[in-house]
């Protein structure tokens, strides 16, 4: 983001009039990444940072392509990153992207600005969850679906046993305790006053903080979920997803929870060519179709 302008990458399905929109928020720990960001062991460039071991930028982002082929448009913000821009700068940028996606400008650009969901992976899931909470706190309409993958929803380490794995699981941890400790300082500095918009799992009153995060009232059926979480068994952040799901349940937020056995953190992004990643993309598409009220598969080409 430069000179007050936020870059948006928009992927649109061809031959679909007024497609519903997924505001897609990339991961990267809040310190790296762009909307075109894909982590992949293939064709990787090694970088010296101990935080991220394999890094490559590619334009063939299969998840966004899957969304577009299903008939959804993708709007992905190039949000500001730490340490140059600590939180909540990224959250404000994501909110700006949402405001555009639900505006008359988006409608004029050929998008259905009345049907908008939000998706986030890893650090992007924190921004997606924070956006949903922020919209609720402002009395604005909720996302049709809040779709969270490999959630990272707290800056703290101590409460979570999954951050202290046994030796058999530790090698599969893409996101390690040392990474979390380092990035916490870059994102938040010495701040200890983080609210639920920046760290949802700091909530002391889930009913108050999360109640009302449900879907809008739609004339379409079947009933939709307001939150859809994917959790990976071998993920150091696994407990974030399990505890957040419990908090949402306690606040009567319609929530579905998927636990993928034997999978590491952010495997849909890290290992996009695997059979499991393909299955998960299919699950995401089905959840979005239910949220948008689109029961039929849309076969289409993809344009940008």
C-alpha atoms as a PDB file:
ATOM      1  CA  UNK A   1       0.000   0.000   0.000  1.00  0.00           C
ATOM      2  CA  UNK A   2       1.535   3.307  -1.085  1.00  0.00           C
ATOM      3  CA  UNK A   3       0.219   6.866  -1.069  1.00  0.00           C
ATOM      4  CA  UNK A   4      -2.966   5.708   0.608  1.00  0.00           C
ATOM      5  CA  UNK A   5      -3.840   3.352  -2.253  1.00  0.00           C
ATOM      6  CA  UNK A   6      -4.552  -0.325  -1.666  1.00  0.00           C
ATOM      7  CA  UNK A   7      -3.763  -2.780  -4.470  1.00  0.00           C
ATOM      8  CA  UNK A   8      -6.417  -5.424  -5.046  1.00  0.00           C
ATOM      9  CA  UNK A   9      -5.921  -8.536  -7.160  1.00  0.00           C
ATOM     10  CA  UNK A  10      -9.258  -9.484  -8.725  1.00  0.00           C
ATOM     11  CA  UNK A  11      -9.859 -12.868 -10.347  1.00  0.00           C
ATOM     12  CA  UNK A  12     -13.193 -13.106 -12.176  1.00  0.00           C
ATOM     13  CA  UNK A  13     -14.995 -16.039 -13.759  1.00  0.00           C
ATOM     14  CA  UNK A  14     -15.733 -15.522 -17.424  1.00  0.00           C
ATOM     15  CA  UNK A  15     -19.278 -15.770 -18.780  1.00  0.00           C
ATOM     16  CA  UNK A  16     -20.802 -15.375 -15.296  1.00  0.00           C
ATOM     17  CA  UNK A  17     -22.973 -12.337 -14.735  1.00  0.00           C
ATOM     18  CA  UNK A  18     -22.600 -10.699 -11.320  1.00  0.00           C
ATOM     19  CA  UNK A  19     -20.606 -13.434  -9.555  1.00  0.00           C
ATOM     20  CA  UNK A  20     -20.612 -13.456  -5.749  1.00  0.00           C
ATOM     21  CA  UNK A  21     -17.339 -12.406  -4.161  1.00  0.00           C
ATOM     22  CA  UNK A  22     -14.754 -14.021  -1.901  1.00  0.00           C
ATOM     23  CA  UNK A  23     -12.462 -11.518  -0.198  1.00  0.00           C
ATOM     24  CA  UNK A  24      -9.377 -13.748   0.073  1.00  0.00           C
ATOM     25  CA  UNK A  25      -6.621 -12.873   2.543  1.00  0.00           C
ATOM     26  CA  UNK A  26      -3.220 -14.483   2.058  1.00  0.00           C
ATOM     27  CA  UNK A  27      -1.001 -15.840   4.823  1.00  0.00           C
ATOM     28  CA  UNK A  28       2.668 -15.270   5.532  1.00  0.00           C
ATOM     29  CA  UNK A  29       2.831 -14.600   9.254  1.00  0.00           C
ATOM     30  CA  UNK A  30       1.844 -10.985   8.743  1.00  0.00           C
ATOM     31  CA  UNK A  31       5.389 -10.239   7.591  1.00  0.00           C
ATOM     32  CA  UNK A  32       5.650 -11.589   4.029  1.00  0.00           C
ATOM     33  CA  UNK A  33       3.394 -12.238   1.066  1.00  0.00           C
ATOM     34  CA  UNK A  34       1.313 -10.667  -1.677  1.00  0.00           C
ATOM     35  CA  UNK A  35      -2.081 -11.708  -3.083  1.00  0.00           C
ATOM     36  CA  UNK A  36      -0.278 -13.885  -5.637  1.00  0.00           C
ATOM     37  CA  UNK A  37       1.625 -15.528  -2.783  1.00  0.00           C
ATOM     38  CA  UNK A  38       1.994 -19.305  -2.910  1.00  0.00           C
ATOM     39  CA  UNK A  39       4.321 -21.314  -0.699  1.00  0.00           C
ATOM     40  CA  UNK A  40       5.523 -24.440  -2.430  1.00  0.00           C
ATOM     41  CA  UNK A  41       8.461 -26.826  -2.014  1.00  0.00           C
ATOM     42  CA  UNK A  42       8.657 -27.057  -5.809  1.00  0.00           C
ATOM     43  CA  UNK A  43      10.783 -24.454  -7.607  1.00  0.00           C
ATOM     44  CA  UNK A  44      11.491 -22.854  -4.224  1.00  0.00           C
ATOM     45  CA  UNK A  45      14.022 -20.160  -3.521  1.00  0.00           C
ATOM     46  CA  UNK A  46      15.809 -20.520  -0.197  1.00  0.00           C
ATOM     47  CA  UNK A  47      15.939 -17.420   1.973  1.00  0.00           C
ATOM     48  CA  UNK A  48      18.120 -16.825   4.996  1.00  0.00           C
ATOM     49  CA  UNK A  49      15.319 -16.146   7.470  1.00  0.00           C
ATOM     50  CA  UNK A  50      14.725 -19.008   9.885  1.00  0.00           C
ATOM     51  CA  UNK A  51      11.069 -17.999   9.870  1.00  0.00           C
ATOM     52  CA  UNK A  52      10.264 -19.029   6.320  1.00  0.00           C
ATOM     53  CA  UNK A  53      12.373 -21.775   4.787  1.00  0.00           C
ATOM     54  CA  UNK A  54      10.880 -22.089   1.331  1.00  0.00           C
ATOM     55  CA  UNK A  55       9.497 -19.145  -0.570  1.00  0.00           C
ATOM     56  CA  UNK A  56       8.259 -18.788  -4.127  1.00  0.00           C
ATOM     57  CA  UNK A  57       5.857 -16.439  -5.853  1.00  0.00           C
ATOM     58  CA  UNK A  58       3.693 -17.960  -8.545  1.00  0.00           C
ATOM     59  CA  UNK A  59       0.699 -16.781 -10.529  1.00  0.00           C
ATOM     60  CA  UNK A  60      -1.001 -20.194 -10.781  1.00  0.00           C
ATOM     61  CA  UNK A  61      -2.771 -19.941  -7.430  1.00  0.00           C
ATOM     62  CA  UNK A  62      -4.970 -23.067  -7.554  1.00  0.00           C
ATOM     63  CA  UNK A  63      -7.334 -22.070  -4.758  1.00  0.00           C
ATOM     64  CA  UNK A  64      -8.318 -18.780  -6.372  1.00  0.00           C
ATOM     65  CA  UNK A  65      -8.675 -20.603  -9.677  1.00  0.00           C
ATOM     66  CA  UNK A  66     -10.971 -23.159  -8.024  1.00  0.00           C
ATOM     67  CA  UNK A  67     -13.109 -20.350  -6.644  1.00  0.00           C
ATOM     68  CA  UNK A  68     -13.350 -18.662 -10.036  1.00  0.00           C
ATOM     69  CA  UNK A  69     -14.096 -21.919 -11.863  1.00  0.00           C
ATOM     70  CA  UNK A  70     -16.977 -22.444  -9.423  1.00  0.00           C
ATOM     71  CA  UNK A  71     -18.404 -19.073 -10.402  1.00  0.00           C
ATOM     72  CA  UNK A  72     -17.029 -16.831  -7.650  1.00  0.00           C
ATOM     73  CA  UNK A  73     -14.955 -13.692  -8.056  1.00  0.00           C
ATOM     74  CA  UNK A  74     -11.901 -13.273  -5.817  1.00  0.00           C
ATOM     75  CA  UNK A  75     -10.816  -9.931  -4.384  1.00  0.00           C
ATOM     76  CA  UNK A  76      -7.473 -10.213  -2.602  1.00  0.00           C
ATOM     77  CA  UNK A  77      -5.855  -7.194  -0.891  1.00  0.00           C
ATOM     78  CA  UNK A  78      -2.130  -6.465  -0.880  1.00  0.00           C
ATOM     79  CA  UNK A  79      -2.274  -5.487   2.772  1.00  0.00           C
ATOM     80  CA  UNK A  80       0.540  -3.791   4.673  1.00  0.00           C
ATOM     81  CA  UNK A  81       3.066  -6.006   6.459  1.00  0.00           C
ATOM     82  CA  UNK A  82       5.073  -5.856   9.671  1.00  0.00           C
ATOM     83  CA  UNK A  83       7.579  -4.855  10.890  1.00  0.00           C
ATOM     84  CA  UNK A  84       7.315  -1.726   8.727  1.00  0.00           C
ATOM     85  CA  UNK A  85       3.577  -1.571   9.371  1.00  0.00           C
ATOM     86  CA  UNK A  86       2.593  -3.217  12.682  1.00  0.00           C
ATOM     87  CA  UNK A  87      -0.946  -4.247  13.449  1.00  0.00           C
ATOM     88  CA  UNK A  88      -3.652  -3.087  13.133  1.00  0.00           C
ATOM     89  CA  UNK A  89      -2.542  -1.639   9.752  1.00  0.00           C
ATOM     90  CA  UNK A  90      -3.218  -4.945   7.961  1.00  0.00           C
ATOM     91  CA  UNK A  91      -6.675  -5.219   9.519  1.00  0.00           C
ATOM     92  CA  UNK A  92      -7.560  -1.722   8.343  1.00  0.00           C
ATOM     93  CA  UNK A  93      -6.441  -2.636   4.802  1.00  0.00           C
ATOM     94  CA  UNK A  94      -8.571  -5.780   4.833  1.00  0.00           C
ATOM     95  CA  UNK A  95     -11.515  -3.702   6.018  1.00  0.00           C
ATOM     96  CA  UNK A  96     -10.920  -1.304   3.108  1.00  0.00           C
ATOM     97  CA  UNK A  97     -10.955  -4.239   0.684  1.00  0.00           C
ATOM     98  CA  UNK A  98     -14.228  -5.440   2.207  1.00  0.00           C
ATOM     99  CA  UNK A  99     -15.726  -1.960   1.947  1.00  0.00           C
ATOM    100  CA  UNK A 100     -14.863  -1.866  -1.754  1.00  0.00           C
ATOM    101  CA  UNK A 101     -16.166  -5.401  -2.410  1.00  0.00           C
ATOM    102  CA  UNK A 102     -19.535  -4.500  -0.886  1.00  0.00           C
ATOM    103  CA  UNK A 103     -19.778  -1.102  -2.588  1.00  0.00           C
ATOM    104  CA  UNK A 104     -21.473   0.242  -5.695  1.00  0.00           C
ATOM    105  CA  UNK A 105     -18.010   0.405  -7.273  1.00  0.00           C
ATOM    106  CA  UNK A 106     -17.728  -3.369  -7.083  1.00  0.00           C
ATOM    107  CA  UNK A 107     -21.218  -3.716  -8.519  1.00  0.00           C
ATOM    108  CA  UNK A 108     -20.268  -1.391 -11.369  1.00  0.00           C
ATOM    109  CA  UNK A 109     -17.236  -3.630 -11.963  1.00  0.00           C
ATOM    110  CA  UNK A 110     -19.591  -6.562 -12.566  1.00  0.00           C
ATOM    111  CA  UNK A 111     -19.517  -8.181  -9.118  1.00  0.00           C
ATOM    112  CA  UNK A 112     -22.418  -9.117  -6.854  1.00  0.00           C
ATOM    113  CA  UNK A 113     -21.628  -6.781  -3.969  1.00  0.00           C
ATOM    114  CA  UNK A 114     -24.610  -8.110  -1.990  1.00  0.00           C
ATOM    115  CA  UNK A 115     -23.137 -11.626  -1.714  1.00  0.00           C
ATOM    116  CA  UNK A 116     -19.657 -11.443  -0.223  1.00  0.00           C
ATOM    117  CA  UNK A 117     -17.744 -13.959   1.902  1.00  0.00           C
ATOM    118  CA  UNK A 118     -14.294 -13.747   3.456  1.00  0.00           C
ATOM    119  CA  UNK A 119     -11.530 -16.374   3.359  1.00  0.00           C
ATOM    120  CA  UNK A 120      -8.224 -16.315   5.195  1.00  0.00           C
ATOM    121  CA  UNK A 121      -5.357 -18.759   5.650  1.00  0.00           C
ATOM    122  CA  UNK A 122      -2.852 -18.750   8.527  1.00  0.00           C
ATOM    123  CA  UNK A 123      -2.150 -15.091   9.363  1.00  0.00           C
ATOM    124  CA  UNK A 124      -4.872 -14.251   6.861  1.00  0.00           C
ATOM    125  CA  UNK A 125      -7.340 -16.187   9.006  1.00  0.00           C
ATOM    126  CA  UNK A 126      -6.630 -13.824  11.895  1.00  0.00           C
ATOM    127  CA  UNK A 127      -7.454 -10.892   9.639  1.00  0.00           C
ATOM    128  CA  UNK A 128     -10.587 -12.605   8.302  1.00  0.00           C
ATOM    129  CA  UNK A 129     -11.836 -13.407  11.803  1.00  0.00           C
ATOM    130  CA  UNK A 130     -10.938  -9.916  12.983  1.00  0.00           C
ATOM    131  CA  UNK A 131     -12.829  -8.413  10.057  1.00  0.00           C
ATOM    132  CA  UNK A 132     -15.975 -10.381  10.912  1.00  0.00           C
ATOM    133  CA  UNK A 133     -15.773  -9.220  14.538  1.00  0.00           C
ATOM    134  CA  UNK A 134     -15.070  -5.637  13.483  1.00  0.00           C
ATOM    135  CA  UNK A 135     -18.098  -5.578  11.165  1.00  0.00           C
ATOM    136  CA  UNK A 136     -20.283  -6.891  13.988  1.00  0.00           C
ATOM    137  CA  UNK A 137     -18.971  -4.247  16.383  1.00  0.00           C
ATOM    138  CA  UNK A 138     -19.802  -1.553  13.829  1.00  0.00           C
ATOM    139  CA  UNK A 139     -23.315  -2.883  13.319  1.00  0.00           C
ATOM    140  CA  UNK A 140     -22.622  -3.805   9.694  1.00  0.00           C
ATOM    141  CA  UNK A 141     -23.812  -6.815   7.739  1.00  0.00           C
ATOM    142  CA  UNK A 142     -21.835  -9.979   8.366  1.00  0.00           C
ATOM    143  CA  UNK A 143     -19.986 -11.945   5.679  1.00  0.00           C
ATOM    144  CA  UNK A 144     -22.068 -14.623   3.996  1.00  0.00           C
ATOM    145  CA  UNK A 145     -19.388 -17.038   5.225  1.00  0.00           C
ATOM    146  CA  UNK A 146     -16.230 -16.631   7.259  1.00  0.00           C
ATOM    147  CA  UNK A 147     -13.953 -19.365   5.898  1.00  0.00           C
ATOM    148  CA  UNK A 148     -10.851 -19.918   8.020  1.00  0.00           C
ATOM    149  CA  UNK A 149      -7.925 -22.226   7.195  1.00  0.00           C
ATOM    150  CA  UNK A 150      -5.019 -23.103   9.517  1.00  0.00           C
ATOM    151  CA  UNK A 151      -6.086 -20.442  11.958  1.00  0.00           C
ATOM    152  CA  UNK A 152      -3.694 -18.167  13.822  1.00  0.00           C
ATOM    153  CA  UNK A 153      -5.861 -16.278  16.294  1.00  0.00           C
ATOM    154  CA  UNK A 154      -3.710 -15.359  19.296  1.00  0.00           C
ATOM    155  CA  UNK A 155      -0.343 -13.672  19.849  1.00  0.00           C
ATOM    156  CA  UNK A 156       0.297 -15.702  23.013  1.00  0.00           C
ATOM    157  CA  UNK A 157       2.094 -19.043  23.183  1.00  0.00           C
ATOM    158  CA  UNK A 158       1.709 -20.330  26.748  1.00  0.00           C
ATOM    159  CA  UNK A 159      -1.952 -21.460  26.686  1.00  0.00           C
ATOM    160  CA  UNK A 160      -1.536 -23.857  23.748  1.00  0.00           C
ATOM    161  CA  UNK A 161      -0.159 -27.380  24.113  1.00  0.00           C
ATOM    162  CA  UNK A 162       0.079 -27.790  20.338  1.00  0.00           C
ATOM    163  CA  UNK A 163       2.944 -25.248  20.394  1.00  0.00           C
ATOM    164  CA  UNK A 164       4.959 -27.783  22.441  1.00  0.00           C
ATOM    165  CA  UNK A 165       4.781 -30.979  20.349  1.00  0.00           C
ATOM    166  CA  UNK A 166       6.411 -34.314  21.046  1.00  0.00           C
ATOM    167  CA  UNK A 167       9.498 -35.172  19.010  1.00  0.00           C
ATOM    168  CA  UNK A 168       7.589 -37.298  16.494  1.00  0.00           C
ATOM    169  CA  UNK A 169       5.455 -34.333  15.401  1.00  0.00           C
ATOM    170  CA  UNK A 170       7.917 -31.444  15.730  1.00  0.00           C
ATOM    171  CA  UNK A 171       9.535 -31.984  12.278  1.00  0.00           C
ATOM    172  CA  UNK A 172       6.169 -31.315  10.633  1.00  0.00           C
ATOM    173  CA  UNK A 173       5.717 -27.931  12.278  1.00  0.00           C
ATOM    174  CA  UNK A 174       5.933 -25.280   9.577  1.00  0.00           C
ATOM    175  CA  UNK A 175       5.176 -22.597  12.171  1.00  0.00           C
ATOM    176  CA  UNK A 176       7.368 -23.042  15.246  1.00  0.00           C
ATOM    177  CA  UNK A 177       7.366 -21.509  18.708  1.00  0.00           C
ATOM    178  CA  UNK A 178      10.459 -19.460  17.855  1.00  0.00           C
ATOM    179  CA  UNK A 179       8.663 -18.087  14.791  1.00  0.00           C
ATOM    180  CA  UNK A 180       5.665 -17.063  16.886  1.00  0.00           C
ATOM    181  CA  UNK A 181       7.878 -15.337  19.457  1.00  0.00           C
ATOM    182  CA  UNK A 182       9.781 -13.384  16.805  1.00  0.00           C
ATOM    183  CA  UNK A 183       6.752 -12.349  14.778  1.00  0.00           C
ATOM    184  CA  UNK A 184       4.808 -11.325  17.866  1.00  0.00           C
ATOM    185  CA  UNK A 185       7.279  -8.479  18.419  1.00  0.00           C
ATOM    186  CA  UNK A 186       7.171  -7.414  14.776  1.00  0.00           C
ATOM    187  CA  UNK A 187       3.383  -7.372  14.679  1.00  0.00           C
ATOM    188  CA  UNK A 188       2.556  -5.928  18.080  1.00  0.00           C
ATOM    189  CA  UNK A 189       5.742  -4.598  19.669  1.00  0.00           C
ATOM    190  CA  UNK A 190       5.386  -4.398  23.447  1.00  0.00           C
ATOM    191  CA  UNK A 191       1.611  -4.002  23.352  1.00  0.00           C
ATOM    192  CA  UNK A 192      -0.379  -6.121  25.771  1.00  0.00           C
ATOM    193  CA  UNK A 193      -3.720  -4.400  25.215  1.00  0.00           C
ATOM    194  CA  UNK A 194      -4.750  -6.402  22.149  1.00  0.00           C
ATOM    195  CA  UNK A 195      -8.493  -6.659  21.679  1.00  0.00           C
ATOM    196  CA  UNK A 196     -10.492  -9.433  20.061  1.00  0.00           C
ATOM    197  CA  UNK A 197     -10.348  -7.787  16.634  1.00  0.00           C
ATOM    198  CA  UNK A 198      -6.567  -8.334  16.579  1.00  0.00           C
ATOM    199  CA  UNK A 199      -6.436 -11.557  18.634  1.00  0.00           C
ATOM    200  CA  UNK A 200      -9.868 -13.223  18.833  1.00  0.00           C
ATOM    201  CA  UNK A 201      -8.760 -15.870  21.328  1.00  0.00           C
ATOM    202  CA  UNK A 202      -8.054 -13.165  23.907  1.00  0.00           C
ATOM    203  CA  UNK A 203     -11.806 -12.929  24.372  1.00  0.00           C
ATOM    204  CA  UNK A 204     -12.939 -13.191  27.989  1.00  0.00           C
ATOM    205  CA  UNK A 205     -16.625 -13.250  27.037  1.00  0.00           C
ATOM    206  CA  UNK A 206     -17.297 -15.191  23.808  1.00  0.00           C
ATOM    207  CA  UNK A 207     -21.060 -14.638  24.003  1.00  0.00           C
ATOM    208  CA  UNK A 208     -20.560 -10.870  24.116  1.00  0.00           C
ATOM    209  CA  UNK A 209     -17.671 -10.736  21.657  1.00  0.00           C
ATOM    210  CA  UNK A 210     -18.872 -13.289  19.101  1.00  0.00           C
ATOM    211  CA  UNK A 211     -22.638 -13.389  19.508  1.00  0.00           C
ATOM    212  CA  UNK A 212     -24.260 -12.028  16.355  1.00  0.00           C
ATOM    213  CA  UNK A 213     -21.525 -13.231  14.008  1.00  0.00           C
ATOM    214  CA  UNK A 214     -24.146 -15.386  12.296  1.00  0.00           C
ATOM    215  CA  UNK A 215     -25.074 -15.154   8.615  1.00  0.00           C
ATOM    216  CA  UNK A 216     -27.426 -12.613   7.154  1.00  0.00           C
ATOM    217  CA  UNK A 217     -31.050 -13.568   6.671  1.00  0.00           C
ATOM    218  CA  UNK A 218     -31.325 -15.057   3.188  1.00  0.00           C
ATOM    219  CA  UNK A 219     -34.311 -16.199   1.206  1.00  0.00           C
ATOM    220  CA  UNK A 220     -32.208 -18.986  -0.221  1.00  0.00           C
ATOM    221  CA  UNK A 221     -31.743 -22.412   1.317  1.00  0.00           C
ATOM    222  CA  UNK A 222     -30.235 -24.540   2.782  1.00  0.00           C
ATOM    223  CA  UNK A 223     -29.280 -22.745   6.001  1.00  0.00           C
ATOM    224  CA  UNK A 224     -25.728 -21.476   5.866  1.00  0.00           C
ATOM    225  CA  UNK A 225     -22.802 -21.514   8.257  1.00  0.00           C
ATOM    226  CA  UNK A 226     -21.396 -18.226   9.462  1.00  0.00           C
ATOM    227  CA  UNK A 227     -18.014 -19.762  10.171  1.00  0.00           C
ATOM    228  CA  UNK A 228     -16.201 -22.688   8.601  1.00  0.00           C
ATOM    229  CA  UNK A 229     -12.881 -23.684  10.141  1.00  0.00           C
ATOM    230  CA  UNK A 230     -10.259 -26.105   8.901  1.00  0.00           C
ATOM    231  CA  UNK A 231      -7.728 -27.443  11.414  1.00  0.00           C
ATOM    232  CA  UNK A 232      -4.637 -29.555  10.659  1.00  0.00           C
ATOM    233  CA  UNK A 233      -3.667 -32.345  13.053  1.00  0.00           C
ATOM    234  CA  UNK A 234       0.096 -31.699  12.778  1.00  0.00           C
ATOM    235  CA  UNK A 235      -0.246 -27.917  12.969  1.00  0.00           C
ATOM    236  CA  UNK A 236       1.357 -26.143  15.936  1.00  0.00           C
ATOM    237  CA  UNK A 237      -1.656 -23.821  15.774  1.00  0.00           C
ATOM    238  CA  UNK A 238      -4.171 -26.668  15.894  1.00  0.00           C
ATOM    239  CA  UNK A 239      -5.458 -25.665  19.335  1.00  0.00           C
ATOM    240  CA  UNK A 240      -6.281 -22.166  18.059  1.00  0.00           C
ATOM    241  CA  UNK A 241      -8.897 -23.638  15.750  1.00  0.00           C
ATOM    242  CA  UNK A 242     -10.336 -26.051  18.301  1.00  0.00           C
ATOM    243  CA  UNK A 243     -10.686 -23.383  20.988  1.00  0.00           C
ATOM    244  CA  UNK A 244     -12.101 -20.797  18.587  1.00  0.00           C
ATOM    245  CA  UNK A 245     -14.719 -23.284  17.412  1.00  0.00           C
ATOM    246  CA  UNK A 246     -15.704 -23.879  21.052  1.00  0.00           C
ATOM    247  CA  UNK A 247     -16.004 -20.121  21.606  1.00  0.00           C
ATOM    248  CA  UNK A 248     -18.199 -19.737  18.536  1.00  0.00           C
ATOM    249  CA  UNK A 249     -20.389 -22.651  19.593  1.00  0.00           C
ATOM    250  CA  UNK A 250     -20.833 -21.095  23.055  1.00  0.00           C
ATOM    251  CA  UNK A 251     -21.971 -17.862  21.383  1.00  0.00           C
ATOM    252  CA  UNK A 252     -24.516 -19.798  19.266  1.00  0.00           C
ATOM    253  CA  UNK A 253     -22.684 -18.952  16.047  1.00  0.00           C
ATOM    254  CA  UNK A 254     -23.475 -21.598  13.383  1.00  0.00           C
ATOM    255  CA  UNK A 255     -20.071 -23.204  12.890  1.00  0.00           C
ATOM    256  CA  UNK A 256     -18.636 -26.220  11.135  1.00  0.00           C
ATOM    257  CA  UNK A 257     -15.230 -27.612  12.077  1.00  0.00           C
ATOM    258  CA  UNK A 258     -13.065 -29.866   9.913  1.00  0.00           C
ATOM    259  CA  UNK A 259      -9.957 -31.567  11.340  1.00  0.00           C
ATOM    260  CA  UNK A 260      -7.632 -32.954   8.662  1.00  0.00           C
ATOM    261  CA  UNK A 261      -5.649 -35.879  10.067  1.00  0.00           C
ATOM    262  CA  UNK A 262      -1.950 -36.116   9.242  1.00  0.00           C
ATOM    263  CA  UNK A 263      -1.802 -32.678   7.626  1.00  0.00           C
ATOM    264  CA  UNK A 264       0.621 -29.834   8.469  1.00  0.00           C
ATOM    265  CA  UNK A 265      -0.055 -26.123   8.764  1.00  0.00           C
ATOM    266  CA  UNK A 266      -1.451 -24.434   5.640  1.00  0.00           C
ATOM    267  CA  UNK A 267      -1.060 -27.563   3.514  1.00  0.00           C
ATOM    268  CA  UNK A 268      -3.619 -26.325   0.981  1.00  0.00           C
ATOM    269  CA  UNK A 269      -1.147 -23.549   0.142  1.00  0.00           C
ATOM    270  CA  UNK A 270       2.096 -25.401   0.855  1.00  0.00           C
ATOM    271  CA  UNK A 271       1.145 -28.581  -1.016  1.00  0.00           C
ATOM    272  CA  UNK A 272      -1.473 -27.486  -3.578  1.00  0.00           C
ATOM    273  CA  UNK A 273      -0.895 -30.461  -5.881  1.00  0.00           C
ATOM    274  CA  UNK A 274      -1.738 -33.127  -3.316  1.00  0.00           C
ATOM    275  CA  UNK A 275      -4.937 -35.148  -3.390  1.00  0.00           C
ATOM    276  CA  UNK A 276      -5.881 -33.884   0.071  1.00  0.00           C
ATOM    277  CA  UNK A 277      -5.462 -30.231  -0.918  1.00  0.00           C
ATOM    278  CA  UNK A 278      -7.745 -30.861  -3.887  1.00  0.00           C
ATOM    279  CA  UNK A 279     -10.365 -32.398  -1.608  1.00  0.00           C
ATOM    280  CA  UNK A 280     -10.222 -29.420   0.731  1.00  0.00           C
ATOM    281  CA  UNK A 281     -10.604 -26.968  -2.153  1.00  0.00           C
ATOM    282  CA  UNK A 282     -13.717 -28.895  -3.124  1.00  0.00           C
ATOM    283  CA  UNK A 283     -15.055 -28.603   0.429  1.00  0.00           C
ATOM    284  CA  UNK A 284     -14.439 -24.853   0.379  1.00  0.00           C
ATOM    285  CA  UNK A 285     -16.335 -24.511  -2.887  1.00  0.00           C
ATOM    286  CA  UNK A 286     -19.277 -26.513  -1.540  1.00  0.00           C
ATOM    287  CA  UNK A 287     -19.415 -24.376   1.624  1.00  0.00           C
ATOM    288  CA  UNK A 288     -19.364 -21.182  -0.425  1.00  0.00           C
ATOM    289  CA  UNK A 289     -22.070 -22.452  -2.775  1.00  0.00           C
ATOM    290  CA  UNK A 290     -24.294 -23.136   0.236  1.00  0.00           C
ATOM    291  CA  UNK A 291     -23.547 -19.690   1.653  1.00  0.00           C
ATOM    292  CA  UNK A 292     -24.259 -17.959  -1.635  1.00  0.00           C
ATOM    293  CA  UNK A 293     -27.245 -20.158  -2.444  1.00  0.00           C
ATOM    294  CA  UNK A 294     -25.656 -21.567  -5.603  1.00  0.00           C
ATOM    295  CA  UNK A 295     -26.405 -25.255  -5.675  1.00  0.00           C
ATOM    296  CA  UNK A 296     -25.295 -25.941  -9.229  1.00  0.00           C
ATOM    297  CA  UNK A 297     -21.689 -26.232 -10.298  1.00  0.00           C
ATOM    298  CA  UNK A 298     -20.657 -23.477 -12.669  1.00  0.00           C
ATOM    299  CA  UNK A 299     -18.146 -24.475 -15.326  1.00  0.00           C
ATOM    300  CA  UNK A 300     -16.301 -21.443 -16.575  1.00  0.00           C
ATOM    301  CA  UNK A 301     -12.991 -20.081 -17.710  1.00  0.00           C
ATOM    302  CA  UNK A 302     -11.012 -17.732 -15.516  1.00  0.00           C
ATOM    303  CA  UNK A 303     -10.079 -14.135 -16.282  1.00  0.00           C
ATOM    304  CA  UNK A 304      -8.228 -11.400 -14.452  1.00  0.00           C
END
